[in-house]
Amino acid sequence: MNITLHRDDLPDDLDLGGVVAVDCETMGLNPVRDRLCVVQLSAGDGTAHLVQLSQGDYAAPNLRRLLGDQDRLKIFHYARFDLAVIRRYLDVVCRPVYCTKIASKLARTYTDRHGLKDLVREVLGIELDKTEQSSDWGAERLSEMQMRYAARDVLHLHALRARLDLMLAREGRTELARACFDFLPVRAELDLAGWSEQDIFAH
């Protein structure tokens, strides 16, 4: 595992390819209240790039350009939350996107365990340590354990996507998954606008 920590933005010359795995660490689970602290990215090559954002400083032009690039697929796990946070703090609408959690729910209907840890264990045979999940991501200096935790959240998403795509195709749900992914930026906008709990499609 290789981890590179960047302060406030990505370097100008960093090339992460046409498909990038993305995750966010925040001060909590309310995208309106809890600020964005770290954005993790990986090209699927065993290296994770962590961008630690200073409080109140969300300029990050290179990061914003990458996340807003409509020719680059962004892979998330539970994209709904990350897209809302990115929209709220970086003012970027991410698309196109792929969500391994949604793909798992559509393909792995034999289980209700769709968290990243369970998914990586079953599909890839890798055990993730989630100890640092609830740590202080707003700290001025991230610990080595925090950085390793953050890196692991993106290092396996490319492999998960490849395996889940096979399962989706086998079950005839590829197009359904794609339609769900396309709707995710709108779902994030609804969350930010106050419709996080109410199902507007219900009667």
N, C-alpha and C. Protein backbone atom coordinates (compact mmCIF):
# COMPACT_ATOMS: atom_id res chain seq x y z
N MET A 1 0.85 -1.19 0.00
CA MET A 1 0.00 0.00 0.00
C MET A 1 0.88 1.25 0.00
N ASN A 2 0.68 2.12 -0.98
CA ASN A 2 1.38 3.38 -1.05
C ASN A 2 0.40 4.51 -0.78
N ILE A 3 0.77 5.43 0.10
CA ILE A 3 -0.11 6.54 0.47
C ILE A 3 0.64 7.85 0.28
N THR A 4 0.02 8.77 -0.45
CA THR A 4 0.58 10.10 -0.61
C THR A 4 -0.41 11.11 -0.05
N LEU A 5 0.04 11.94 0.88
CA LEU A 5 -0.81 12.95 1.50
C LEU A 5 -0.54 14.30 0.86
N HIS A 6 -1.60 14.97 0.42
CA HIS A 6 -1.51 16.31 -0.17
C HIS A 6 -2.31 17.27 0.70
N ARG A 7 -1.82 18.49 0.87
CA ARG A 7 -2.54 19.49 1.64
C ARG A 7 -3.32 20.41 0.70
N ASP A 8 -4.63 20.43 0.86
CA ASP A 8 -5.55 21.40 0.23
C ASP A 8 -5.80 21.22 -1.27
N ASP A 9 -4.98 20.46 -1.99
CA ASP A 9 -5.26 20.22 -3.41
C ASP A 9 -4.35 19.13 -3.94
N LEU A 10 -4.69 18.63 -5.13
CA LEU A 10 -3.82 17.68 -5.83
C LEU A 10 -2.73 18.45 -6.58
N PRO A 11 -1.59 17.83 -6.83
CA PRO A 11 -0.56 18.49 -7.65
C PRO A 11 -1.03 18.62 -9.09
N ASP A 12 -0.50 19.61 -9.78
CA ASP A 12 -0.93 19.90 -11.15
C ASP A 12 -0.71 18.74 -12.11
N ASP A 13 0.36 17.98 -11.91
CA ASP A 13 0.76 16.98 -12.90
C ASP A 13 0.32 15.56 -12.54
N LEU A 14 -0.54 15.39 -11.57
CA LEU A 14 -0.95 14.05 -11.16
C LEU A 14 -1.95 13.46 -12.16
N ASP A 15 -1.66 12.27 -12.67
CA ASP A 15 -2.54 11.58 -13.62
C ASP A 15 -3.14 10.36 -12.95
N LEU A 16 -4.46 10.37 -12.76
CA LEU A 16 -5.15 9.24 -12.12
C LEU A 16 -5.96 8.42 -13.11
N GLY A 17 -5.74 8.63 -14.39
CA GLY A 17 -6.39 7.80 -15.40
C GLY A 17 -7.85 8.14 -15.62
N GLY A 18 -8.51 7.28 -16.42
CA GLY A 18 -9.90 7.53 -16.81
C GLY A 18 -10.93 7.04 -15.82
N VAL A 19 -10.51 6.21 -14.87
CA VAL A 19 -11.42 5.71 -13.83
C VAL A 19 -10.73 5.89 -12.48
N VAL A 20 -11.39 6.61 -11.57
CA VAL A 20 -10.76 6.88 -10.27
C VAL A 20 -11.72 6.52 -9.14
N ALA A 21 -11.19 5.85 -8.14
CA ALA A 21 -11.97 5.54 -6.94
C ALA A 21 -11.90 6.73 -6.00
N VAL A 22 -13.04 7.08 -5.38
CA VAL A 22 -13.13 8.28 -4.54
C VAL A 22 -13.86 7.95 -3.24
N ASP A 23 -13.41 8.55 -2.15
CA ASP A 23 -14.11 8.46 -0.87
C ASP A 23 -13.87 9.75 -0.11
N CYS A 24 -14.71 10.04 0.86
CA CYS A 24 -14.59 11.25 1.66
C CYS A 24 -14.62 10.92 3.14
N GLU A 25 -13.87 11.67 3.92
CA GLU A 25 -13.96 11.62 5.38
C GLU A 25 -14.45 12.98 5.86
N THR A 26 -15.41 12.97 6.77
CA THR A 26 -16.04 14.19 7.25
C THR A 26 -16.08 14.18 8.78
N MET A 27 -16.58 15.27 9.35
CA MET A 27 -16.70 15.37 10.80
C MET A 27 -17.94 14.66 11.33
N GLY A 28 -18.77 14.14 10.46
CA GLY A 28 -19.97 13.43 10.85
C GLY A 28 -20.74 12.99 9.63
N LEU A 29 -22.00 12.61 9.82
CA LEU A 29 -22.78 12.04 8.73
C LEU A 29 -23.89 12.96 8.23
N ASN A 30 -23.84 14.24 8.62
CA ASN A 30 -24.79 15.22 8.12
C ASN A 30 -24.06 16.10 7.11
N PRO A 31 -24.34 15.97 5.82
CA PRO A 31 -23.55 16.70 4.82
C PRO A 31 -23.71 18.22 4.88
N VAL A 32 -24.77 18.70 5.50
CA VAL A 32 -24.95 20.14 5.64
C VAL A 32 -24.17 20.67 6.85
N ARG A 33 -24.18 19.92 7.94
CA ARG A 33 -23.55 20.36 9.19
C ARG A 33 -22.08 19.99 9.28
N ASP A 34 -21.71 18.80 8.82
CA ASP A 34 -20.39 18.23 9.11
C ASP A 34 -19.44 18.42 7.94
N ARG A 35 -18.40 19.18 8.18
CA ARG A 35 -17.52 19.60 7.09
C ARG A 35 -16.69 18.45 6.49
N LEU A 36 -16.35 18.65 5.24
CA LEU A 36 -15.48 17.75 4.51
C LEU A 36 -14.04 17.96 4.97
N CYS A 37 -13.35 16.87 5.31
CA CYS A 37 -11.98 16.96 5.82
C CYS A 37 -10.94 16.35 4.88
N VAL A 38 -11.25 15.19 4.34
CA VAL A 38 -10.29 14.46 3.51
C VAL A 38 -11.01 13.86 2.31
N VAL A 39 -10.37 13.92 1.15
CA VAL A 39 -10.85 13.22 -0.04
C VAL A 39 -9.76 12.24 -0.45
N GLN A 40 -10.13 10.98 -0.59
CA GLN A 40 -9.18 9.94 -0.99
C GLN A 40 -9.45 9.55 -2.44
N LEU A 41 -8.36 9.28 -3.18
CA LEU A 41 -8.48 8.89 -4.58
C LEU A 41 -7.48 7.80 -4.90
N SER A 42 -7.85 6.93 -5.83
CA SER A 42 -6.92 5.90 -6.30
C SER A 42 -7.24 5.54 -7.74
N ALA A 43 -6.20 5.31 -8.50
CA ALA A 43 -6.35 4.88 -9.88
C ALA A 43 -6.45 3.36 -9.98
N GLY A 44 -6.46 2.68 -8.84
CA GLY A 44 -6.53 1.23 -8.84
C GLY A 44 -5.18 0.56 -8.99
N ASP A 45 -4.13 1.33 -8.75
CA ASP A 45 -2.76 0.84 -8.94
C ASP A 45 -2.05 0.54 -7.62
N GLY A 46 -2.81 0.49 -6.51
CA GLY A 46 -2.20 0.23 -5.22
C GLY A 46 -1.73 1.47 -4.49
N THR A 47 -1.93 2.65 -5.10
CA THR A 47 -1.55 3.91 -4.47
C THR A 47 -2.80 4.72 -4.17
N ALA A 48 -2.85 5.30 -2.97
CA ALA A 48 -3.95 6.17 -2.58
C ALA A 48 -3.42 7.58 -2.39
N HIS A 49 -4.12 8.55 -2.93
CA HIS A 49 -3.78 9.96 -2.76
C HIS A 49 -4.81 10.57 -1.83
N LEU A 50 -4.37 11.12 -0.72
CA LEU A 50 -5.24 11.74 0.27
C LEU A 50 -5.09 13.25 0.20
N VAL A 51 -6.20 13.94 0.01
CA VAL A 51 -6.18 15.41 0.01
C VAL A 51 -6.81 15.86 1.32
N GLN A 52 -5.99 16.43 2.22
CA GLN A 52 -6.48 16.94 3.49
C GLN A 52 -6.81 18.41 3.31
N LEU A 53 -8.10 18.75 3.52
CA LEU A 53 -8.58 20.10 3.26
C LEU A 53 -8.63 20.90 4.56
N SER A 54 -8.05 22.09 4.53
CA SER A 54 -8.07 22.97 5.69
C SER A 54 -9.48 23.51 5.90
N GLN A 55 -9.84 23.73 7.13
CA GLN A 55 -11.17 24.24 7.44
C GLN A 55 -11.40 25.57 6.75
N GLY A 56 -12.49 25.66 5.98
CA GLY A 56 -12.85 26.89 5.29
C GLY A 56 -12.14 27.10 3.98
N ASP A 57 -11.18 26.24 3.63
CA ASP A 57 -10.43 26.41 2.37
C ASP A 57 -10.77 25.26 1.44
N TYR A 58 -11.73 25.52 0.53
CA TYR A 58 -12.16 24.47 -0.39
C TYR A 58 -11.93 24.88 -1.84
N ALA A 59 -10.92 25.71 -2.09
CA ALA A 59 -10.64 26.13 -3.46
C ALA A 59 -10.26 24.92 -4.32
N ALA A 60 -9.20 24.25 -3.97
CA ALA A 60 -8.77 22.98 -4.56
C ALA A 60 -9.09 22.85 -6.05
N PRO A 61 -8.56 23.71 -6.91
CA PRO A 61 -8.95 23.69 -8.32
C PRO A 61 -8.65 22.38 -9.04
N ASN A 62 -7.51 21.75 -8.72
CA ASN A 62 -7.18 20.49 -9.40
C ASN A 62 -8.11 19.36 -8.96
N LEU A 63 -8.41 19.30 -7.67
CA LEU A 63 -9.33 18.29 -7.16
C LEU A 63 -10.72 18.49 -7.75
N ARG A 64 -11.17 19.73 -7.77
CA ARG A 64 -12.49 20.02 -8.31
C ARG A 64 -12.57 19.69 -9.80
N ARG A 65 -11.52 19.98 -10.52
CA ARG A 65 -11.49 19.66 -11.95
C ARG A 65 -11.59 18.16 -12.18
N LEU A 66 -10.85 17.40 -11.39
CA LEU A 66 -10.89 15.94 -11.54
C LEU A 66 -12.28 15.39 -11.22
N LEU A 67 -12.87 15.83 -10.11
CA LEU A 67 -14.17 15.31 -9.70
C LEU A 67 -15.28 15.73 -10.65
N GLY A 68 -15.13 16.87 -11.30
CA GLY A 68 -16.15 17.35 -12.23
C GLY A 68 -15.94 16.91 -13.66
N ASP A 69 -14.88 16.17 -13.93
CA ASP A 69 -14.56 15.72 -15.28
C ASP A 69 -15.59 14.69 -15.76
N GLN A 70 -16.39 15.04 -16.74
CA GLN A 70 -17.46 14.15 -17.21
C GLN A 70 -16.95 13.05 -18.13
N ASP A 71 -15.67 13.05 -18.43
CA ASP A 71 -15.07 11.96 -19.20
C ASP A 71 -14.37 10.95 -18.30
N ARG A 72 -14.44 11.16 -17.01
CA ARG A 72 -13.76 10.28 -16.05
C ARG A 72 -14.79 9.64 -15.12
N LEU A 73 -14.83 8.32 -15.08
CA LEU A 73 -15.75 7.61 -14.19
C LEU A 73 -15.21 7.66 -12.76
N LYS A 74 -16.08 8.02 -11.81
CA LYS A 74 -15.73 8.04 -10.39
C LYS A 74 -16.44 6.89 -9.68
N ILE A 75 -15.66 6.02 -9.01
CA ILE A 75 -16.23 4.88 -8.28
C ILE A 75 -16.30 5.24 -6.80
N PHE A 76 -17.48 5.05 -6.21
CA PHE A 76 -17.69 5.30 -4.79
C PHE A 76 -18.29 4.05 -4.13
N HIS A 77 -18.21 4.01 -2.81
CA HIS A 77 -19.05 3.09 -2.05
C HIS A 77 -19.97 3.95 -1.21
N TYR A 78 -21.26 3.81 -1.41
CA TYR A 78 -22.30 4.69 -0.88
C TYR A 78 -22.08 6.11 -1.42
N ALA A 79 -22.21 6.22 -2.73
CA ALA A 79 -21.98 7.48 -3.44
C ALA A 79 -22.94 8.58 -2.99
N ARG A 80 -24.13 8.21 -2.57
CA ARG A 80 -25.13 9.22 -2.20
C ARG A 80 -24.57 10.23 -1.20
N PHE A 81 -23.91 9.75 -0.17
CA PHE A 81 -23.36 10.65 0.84
C PHE A 81 -22.19 11.45 0.29
N ASP A 82 -21.25 10.78 -0.36
CA ASP A 82 -20.06 11.47 -0.85
C ASP A 82 -20.41 12.53 -1.88
N LEU A 83 -21.36 12.23 -2.76
CA LEU A 83 -21.76 13.21 -3.77
C LEU A 83 -22.36 14.46 -3.13
N ALA A 84 -23.15 14.26 -2.07
CA ALA A 84 -23.75 15.40 -1.37
C ALA A 84 -22.67 16.25 -0.70
N VAL A 85 -21.70 15.61 -0.07
CA VAL A 85 -20.62 16.35 0.60
C VAL A 85 -19.77 17.10 -0.41
N ILE A 86 -19.45 16.45 -1.51
CA ILE A 86 -18.64 17.10 -2.55
C ILE A 86 -19.40 18.28 -3.16
N ARG A 87 -20.69 18.10 -3.37
CA ARG A 87 -21.51 19.20 -3.90
C ARG A 87 -21.57 20.36 -2.91
N ARG A 88 -21.71 20.03 -1.64
CA ARG A 88 -21.87 21.06 -0.60
C ARG A 88 -20.59 21.86 -0.38
N TYR A 89 -19.45 21.20 -0.35
CA TYR A 89 -18.21 21.88 0.04
C TYR A 89 -17.30 22.24 -1.13
N LEU A 90 -17.34 21.45 -2.20
CA LEU A 90 -16.49 21.75 -3.35
C LEU A 90 -17.28 22.33 -4.53
N ASP A 91 -18.60 22.37 -4.39
CA ASP A 91 -19.48 22.91 -5.43
C ASP A 91 -19.26 22.20 -6.77
N VAL A 92 -19.17 20.87 -6.70
CA VAL A 92 -18.97 20.06 -7.89
C VAL A 92 -20.07 19.01 -7.97
N VAL A 93 -20.66 18.87 -9.15
CA VAL A 93 -21.61 17.79 -9.41
C VAL A 93 -20.83 16.67 -10.08
N CYS A 94 -20.66 15.56 -9.37
CA CYS A 94 -19.88 14.43 -9.90
C CYS A 94 -20.74 13.59 -10.85
N ARG A 95 -20.26 13.41 -12.02
CA ARG A 95 -20.82 12.44 -12.96
C ARG A 95 -19.80 12.24 -14.08
N PRO A 96 -19.73 11.04 -14.65
CA PRO A 96 -20.50 9.84 -14.31
C PRO A 96 -19.94 9.17 -13.04
N VAL A 97 -20.82 8.41 -12.38
CA VAL A 97 -20.42 7.75 -11.14
C VAL A 97 -20.85 6.28 -11.16
N TYR A 98 -20.18 5.52 -10.29
CA TYR A 98 -20.49 4.11 -10.08
C TYR A 98 -20.50 3.90 -8.58
N CYS A 99 -21.53 3.25 -8.05
CA CYS A 99 -21.62 3.02 -6.61
C CYS A 99 -21.58 1.53 -6.33
N THR A 100 -20.55 1.08 -5.63
CA THR A 100 -20.44 -0.35 -5.34
C THR A 100 -21.50 -0.82 -4.35
N LYS A 101 -22.02 0.08 -3.52
CA LYS A 101 -23.08 -0.31 -2.58
C LYS A 101 -24.38 -0.60 -3.33
N ILE A 102 -24.74 0.28 -4.27
CA ILE A 102 -25.94 0.04 -5.07
C ILE A 102 -25.76 -1.20 -5.93
N ALA A 103 -24.60 -1.34 -6.54
CA ALA A 103 -24.33 -2.53 -7.36
C ALA A 103 -24.46 -3.79 -6.52
N SER A 104 -23.97 -3.74 -5.30
CA SER A 104 -24.06 -4.89 -4.41
C SER A 104 -25.51 -5.21 -4.07
N LYS A 105 -26.31 -4.18 -3.78
CA LYS A 105 -27.71 -4.41 -3.43
C LYS A 105 -28.50 -4.99 -4.60
N LEU A 106 -28.13 -4.63 -5.82
CA LEU A 106 -28.82 -5.16 -6.99
C LEU A 106 -28.34 -6.55 -7.37
N ALA A 107 -27.07 -6.83 -7.13
CA ALA A 107 -26.50 -8.11 -7.56
C ALA A 107 -26.51 -9.17 -6.46
N ARG A 108 -26.28 -8.77 -5.21
CA ARG A 108 -26.15 -9.71 -4.10
C ARG A 108 -27.44 -9.73 -3.26
N THR A 109 -28.54 -10.11 -3.88
CA THR A 109 -29.84 -10.08 -3.20
C THR A 109 -29.99 -11.20 -2.18
N TYR A 110 -29.01 -12.07 -2.08
CA TYR A 110 -29.04 -13.18 -1.13
C TYR A 110 -28.58 -12.76 0.26
N THR A 111 -28.19 -11.47 0.41
CA THR A 111 -27.69 -11.00 1.71
C THR A 111 -28.14 -9.58 1.96
N ASP A 112 -28.13 -9.18 3.23
CA ASP A 112 -28.40 -7.78 3.57
C ASP A 112 -27.12 -7.08 4.02
N ARG A 113 -25.98 -7.70 3.79
CA ARG A 113 -24.69 -7.14 4.21
C ARG A 113 -24.00 -6.49 3.00
N HIS A 114 -24.17 -5.17 2.91
CA HIS A 114 -23.63 -4.44 1.77
C HIS A 114 -22.64 -3.36 2.17
N GLY A 115 -22.21 -3.36 3.44
CA GLY A 115 -21.16 -2.45 3.87
C GLY A 115 -19.85 -2.80 3.20
N LEU A 116 -18.95 -1.84 3.13
CA LEU A 116 -17.68 -2.06 2.42
C LEU A 116 -16.89 -3.21 3.01
N LYS A 117 -16.84 -3.29 4.32
CA LYS A 117 -16.07 -4.35 4.97
C LYS A 117 -16.59 -5.72 4.60
N ASP A 118 -17.92 -5.91 4.67
CA ASP A 118 -18.51 -7.20 4.31
C ASP A 118 -18.33 -7.51 2.83
N LEU A 119 -18.49 -6.49 2.01
CA LEU A 119 -18.38 -6.67 0.56
C LEU A 119 -16.97 -7.07 0.15
N VAL A 120 -15.98 -6.37 0.68
CA VAL A 120 -14.59 -6.69 0.34
C VAL A 120 -14.21 -8.08 0.85
N ARG A 121 -14.71 -8.43 2.04
CA ARG A 121 -14.40 -9.76 2.58
C ARG A 121 -14.96 -10.87 1.69
N GLU A 122 -16.24 -10.75 1.30
CA GLU A 122 -16.83 -11.83 0.52
C GLU A 122 -16.35 -11.86 -0.93
N VAL A 123 -16.34 -10.69 -1.56
CA VAL A 123 -16.06 -10.65 -3.00
C VAL A 123 -14.57 -10.76 -3.31
N LEU A 124 -13.72 -10.15 -2.46
CA LEU A 124 -12.29 -10.13 -2.74
C LEU A 124 -11.46 -10.96 -1.77
N GLY A 125 -12.07 -11.43 -0.68
CA GLY A 125 -11.33 -12.22 0.30
C GLY A 125 -10.33 -11.42 1.10
N ILE A 126 -10.62 -10.12 1.30
CA ILE A 126 -9.71 -9.23 2.02
C ILE A 126 -10.42 -8.69 3.26
N GLU A 127 -9.73 -8.68 4.38
CA GLU A 127 -10.30 -8.19 5.63
C GLU A 127 -9.88 -6.74 5.85
N LEU A 128 -10.87 -5.85 5.98
CA LEU A 128 -10.60 -4.43 6.23
C LEU A 128 -10.71 -4.12 7.72
N ASP A 129 -9.81 -3.29 8.20
CA ASP A 129 -9.86 -2.81 9.58
C ASP A 129 -10.57 -1.46 9.58
N LYS A 130 -11.73 -1.38 10.24
CA LYS A 130 -12.53 -0.15 10.24
C LYS A 130 -12.41 0.61 11.57
N THR A 131 -11.34 0.36 12.33
CA THR A 131 -11.19 0.94 13.66
C THR A 131 -11.24 2.46 13.63
N GLU A 132 -10.64 3.09 12.62
CA GLU A 132 -10.52 4.54 12.60
C GLU A 132 -11.72 5.24 11.97
N GLN A 133 -12.78 4.51 11.68
CA GLN A 133 -13.93 5.08 10.98
C GLN A 133 -14.49 6.31 11.68
N SER A 134 -14.56 6.28 13.00
CA SER A 134 -15.18 7.37 13.76
C SER A 134 -14.15 8.26 14.45
N SER A 135 -12.97 8.36 13.92
CA SER A 135 -11.94 9.19 14.54
C SER A 135 -12.09 10.66 14.11
N ASP A 136 -11.27 11.53 14.67
CA ASP A 136 -11.34 12.97 14.40
C ASP A 136 -10.63 13.30 13.09
N TRP A 137 -11.42 13.40 12.01
CA TRP A 137 -10.83 13.67 10.70
C TRP A 137 -10.52 15.15 10.50
N GLY A 138 -10.94 15.99 11.44
CA GLY A 138 -10.62 17.41 11.35
C GLY A 138 -9.32 17.78 12.04
N ALA A 139 -8.61 16.79 12.58
CA ALA A 139 -7.34 17.07 13.26
C ALA A 139 -6.33 17.69 12.29
N GLU A 140 -5.46 18.54 12.83
CA GLU A 140 -4.48 19.21 11.97
C GLU A 140 -3.53 18.21 11.33
N ARG A 141 -3.16 17.16 12.08
CA ARG A 141 -2.28 16.12 11.55
C ARG A 141 -2.98 14.78 11.66
N LEU A 142 -3.07 14.08 10.55
CA LEU A 142 -3.66 12.75 10.54
C LEU A 142 -2.64 11.73 11.04
N SER A 143 -3.11 10.77 11.81
CA SER A 143 -2.22 9.72 12.29
C SER A 143 -1.95 8.72 11.16
N GLU A 144 -0.93 7.92 11.34
CA GLU A 144 -0.62 6.87 10.37
C GLU A 144 -1.78 5.90 10.23
N MET A 145 -2.44 5.58 11.33
CA MET A 145 -3.59 4.67 11.28
C MET A 145 -4.76 5.28 10.51
N GLN A 146 -4.99 6.59 10.70
CA GLN A 146 -6.05 7.25 9.94
C GLN A 146 -5.76 7.22 8.44
N MET A 147 -4.53 7.49 8.08
CA MET A 147 -4.18 7.51 6.66
C MET A 147 -4.30 6.12 6.04
N ARG A 148 -3.91 5.10 6.77
CA ARG A 148 -4.02 3.75 6.25
C ARG A 148 -5.50 3.35 6.12
N TYR A 149 -6.31 3.75 7.08
CA TYR A 149 -7.75 3.48 7.01
C TYR A 149 -8.35 4.16 5.78
N ALA A 150 -8.05 5.45 5.61
CA ALA A 150 -8.59 6.22 4.49
C ALA A 150 -8.16 5.62 3.16
N ALA A 151 -6.91 5.20 3.07
CA ALA A 151 -6.41 4.61 1.83
C ALA A 151 -7.14 3.32 1.49
N ARG A 152 -7.37 2.47 2.49
CA ARG A 152 -8.02 1.18 2.23
C ARG A 152 -9.44 1.35 1.68
N ASP A 153 -10.08 2.48 1.99
CA ASP A 153 -11.44 2.70 1.51
C ASP A 153 -11.52 2.92 0.01
N VAL A 154 -10.40 3.22 -0.65
CA VAL A 154 -10.44 3.40 -2.11
C VAL A 154 -9.60 2.38 -2.88
N LEU A 155 -8.69 1.71 -2.21
CA LEU A 155 -7.76 0.83 -2.93
C LEU A 155 -8.44 -0.38 -3.58
N HIS A 156 -9.60 -0.78 -3.08
CA HIS A 156 -10.23 -2.01 -3.59
C HIS A 156 -11.45 -1.75 -4.46
N LEU A 157 -11.81 -0.49 -4.69
CA LEU A 157 -13.05 -0.20 -5.40
C LEU A 157 -13.01 -0.60 -6.88
N HIS A 158 -11.86 -0.48 -7.52
CA HIS A 158 -11.76 -0.92 -8.92
C HIS A 158 -12.02 -2.43 -9.04
N ALA A 159 -11.41 -3.20 -8.15
CA ALA A 159 -11.59 -4.65 -8.19
C ALA A 159 -13.04 -5.03 -7.86
N LEU A 160 -13.64 -4.33 -6.90
CA LEU A 160 -15.05 -4.58 -6.58
C LEU A 160 -15.94 -4.30 -7.77
N ARG A 161 -15.70 -3.20 -8.44
CA ARG A 161 -16.51 -2.86 -9.61
C ARG A 161 -16.43 -3.98 -10.67
N ALA A 162 -15.25 -4.47 -10.92
CA ALA A 162 -15.08 -5.52 -11.93
C ALA A 162 -15.87 -6.78 -11.56
N ARG A 163 -15.81 -7.18 -10.32
CA ARG A 163 -16.53 -8.38 -9.88
C ARG A 163 -18.04 -8.16 -9.86
N LEU A 164 -18.46 -6.99 -9.39
CA LEU A 164 -19.88 -6.69 -9.32
C LEU A 164 -20.49 -6.54 -10.71
N ASP A 165 -19.72 -6.01 -11.65
CA ASP A 165 -20.22 -5.91 -13.03
C ASP A 165 -20.54 -7.28 -13.60
N LEU A 166 -19.71 -8.26 -13.29
CA LEU A 166 -19.98 -9.63 -13.75
C LEU A 166 -21.27 -10.16 -13.15
N MET A 167 -21.48 -9.90 -11.88
CA MET A 167 -22.69 -10.37 -11.21
C MET A 167 -23.93 -9.66 -11.74
N LEU A 168 -23.82 -8.35 -11.96
CA LEU A 168 -24.95 -7.60 -12.51
C LEU A 168 -25.32 -8.11 -13.89
N ALA A 169 -24.32 -8.37 -14.72
CA ALA A 169 -24.59 -8.89 -16.07
C ALA A 169 -25.23 -10.27 -15.99
N ARG A 170 -24.74 -11.11 -15.11
CA ARG A 170 -25.30 -12.45 -14.94
C ARG A 170 -26.76 -12.41 -14.54
N GLU A 171 -27.12 -11.45 -13.68
CA GLU A 171 -28.50 -11.34 -13.20
C GLU A 171 -29.37 -10.44 -14.07
N GLY A 172 -28.81 -9.92 -15.15
CA GLY A 172 -29.58 -9.09 -16.06
C GLY A 172 -29.96 -7.73 -15.51
N ARG A 173 -29.10 -7.14 -14.66
CA ARG A 173 -29.42 -5.89 -14.00
C ARG A 173 -28.42 -4.77 -14.30
N THR A 174 -27.65 -4.92 -15.35
CA THR A 174 -26.65 -3.91 -15.68
C THR A 174 -27.29 -2.57 -16.00
N GLU A 175 -28.31 -2.56 -16.83
CA GLU A 175 -28.95 -1.30 -17.23
C GLU A 175 -29.68 -0.67 -16.05
N LEU A 176 -30.27 -1.48 -15.19
CA LEU A 176 -30.94 -0.96 -14.01
C LEU A 176 -29.92 -0.27 -13.09
N ALA A 177 -28.78 -0.90 -12.92
CA ALA A 177 -27.72 -0.31 -12.11
C ALA A 177 -27.25 1.01 -12.70
N ARG A 178 -27.06 1.03 -14.00
CA ARG A 178 -26.59 2.25 -14.66
C ARG A 178 -27.59 3.40 -14.48
N ALA A 179 -28.87 3.08 -14.57
CA ALA A 179 -29.90 4.11 -14.37
C ALA A 179 -29.86 4.65 -12.93
N CYS A 180 -29.63 3.77 -11.97
CA CYS A 180 -29.50 4.20 -10.57
C CYS A 180 -28.30 5.11 -10.40
N PHE A 181 -27.18 4.74 -11.00
CA PHE A 181 -25.97 5.56 -10.90
C PHE A 181 -26.21 6.94 -11.50
N ASP A 182 -26.91 6.99 -12.63
CA ASP A 182 -27.17 8.27 -13.30
C ASP A 182 -28.02 9.19 -12.43
N PHE A 183 -28.88 8.60 -11.60
CA PHE A 183 -29.78 9.39 -10.76
C PHE A 183 -29.10 9.90 -9.48
N LEU A 184 -27.98 9.33 -9.11
CA LEU A 184 -27.35 9.65 -7.83
C LEU A 184 -27.05 11.14 -7.62
N PRO A 185 -26.57 11.88 -8.61
CA PRO A 185 -26.36 13.32 -8.37
C PRO A 185 -27.65 14.04 -8.00
N VAL A 186 -28.77 13.62 -8.56
CA VAL A 186 -30.06 14.21 -8.22
C VAL A 186 -30.46 13.82 -6.80
N ARG A 187 -30.21 12.55 -6.43
CA ARG A 187 -30.52 12.09 -5.08
C ARG A 187 -29.72 12.91 -4.05
N ALA A 188 -28.48 13.22 -4.37
CA ALA A 188 -27.65 14.03 -3.48
C ALA A 188 -28.20 15.44 -3.36
N GLU A 189 -28.68 16.01 -4.46
CA GLU A 189 -29.28 17.34 -4.42
C GLU A 189 -30.53 17.34 -3.55
N LEU A 190 -31.34 16.29 -3.64
CA LEU A 190 -32.53 16.18 -2.80
C LEU A 190 -32.15 16.14 -1.32
N ASP A 191 -31.09 15.40 -1.00
CA ASP A 191 -30.62 15.33 0.39
C ASP A 191 -30.25 16.73 0.90
N LEU A 192 -29.52 17.46 0.09
CA LEU A 192 -29.06 18.79 0.51
C LEU A 192 -30.22 19.78 0.59
N ALA A 193 -31.26 19.54 -0.21
CA ALA A 193 -32.40 20.47 -0.24
C ALA A 193 -33.44 20.17 0.83
N GLY A 194 -33.22 19.08 1.63
CA GLY A 194 -34.12 18.81 2.74
C GLY A 194 -35.01 17.60 2.59
N TRP A 195 -34.85 16.85 1.51
CA TRP A 195 -35.65 15.65 1.29
C TRP A 195 -34.82 14.38 1.52
N SER A 196 -34.04 14.37 2.59
CA SER A 196 -33.18 13.20 2.84
C SER A 196 -33.99 12.01 3.34
N GLU A 197 -35.05 12.24 4.09
CA GLU A 197 -35.83 11.14 4.66
C GLU A 197 -37.10 10.86 3.88
N GLN A 198 -37.73 11.88 3.36
CA GLN A 198 -39.01 11.70 2.67
C GLN A 198 -38.82 11.09 1.30
N ASP A 199 -39.59 10.07 0.97
CA ASP A 199 -39.57 9.45 -0.34
C ASP A 199 -40.57 10.17 -1.24
N ILE A 200 -40.09 11.02 -2.13
CA ILE A 200 -41.00 11.80 -2.95
C ILE A 200 -41.71 10.95 -4.00
N PHE A 201 -41.28 9.70 -4.17
CA PHE A 201 -41.93 8.82 -5.12
C PHE A 201 -43.05 8.01 -4.48
N ALA A 202 -43.15 8.09 -3.14
CA ALA A 202 -44.23 7.37 -2.45
C ALA A 202 -45.57 8.04 -2.71
N HIS A 203 -46.65 7.32 -2.46
CA HIS A 203 -48.00 7.84 -2.69
C HIS A 203 -48.26 9.07 -1.82
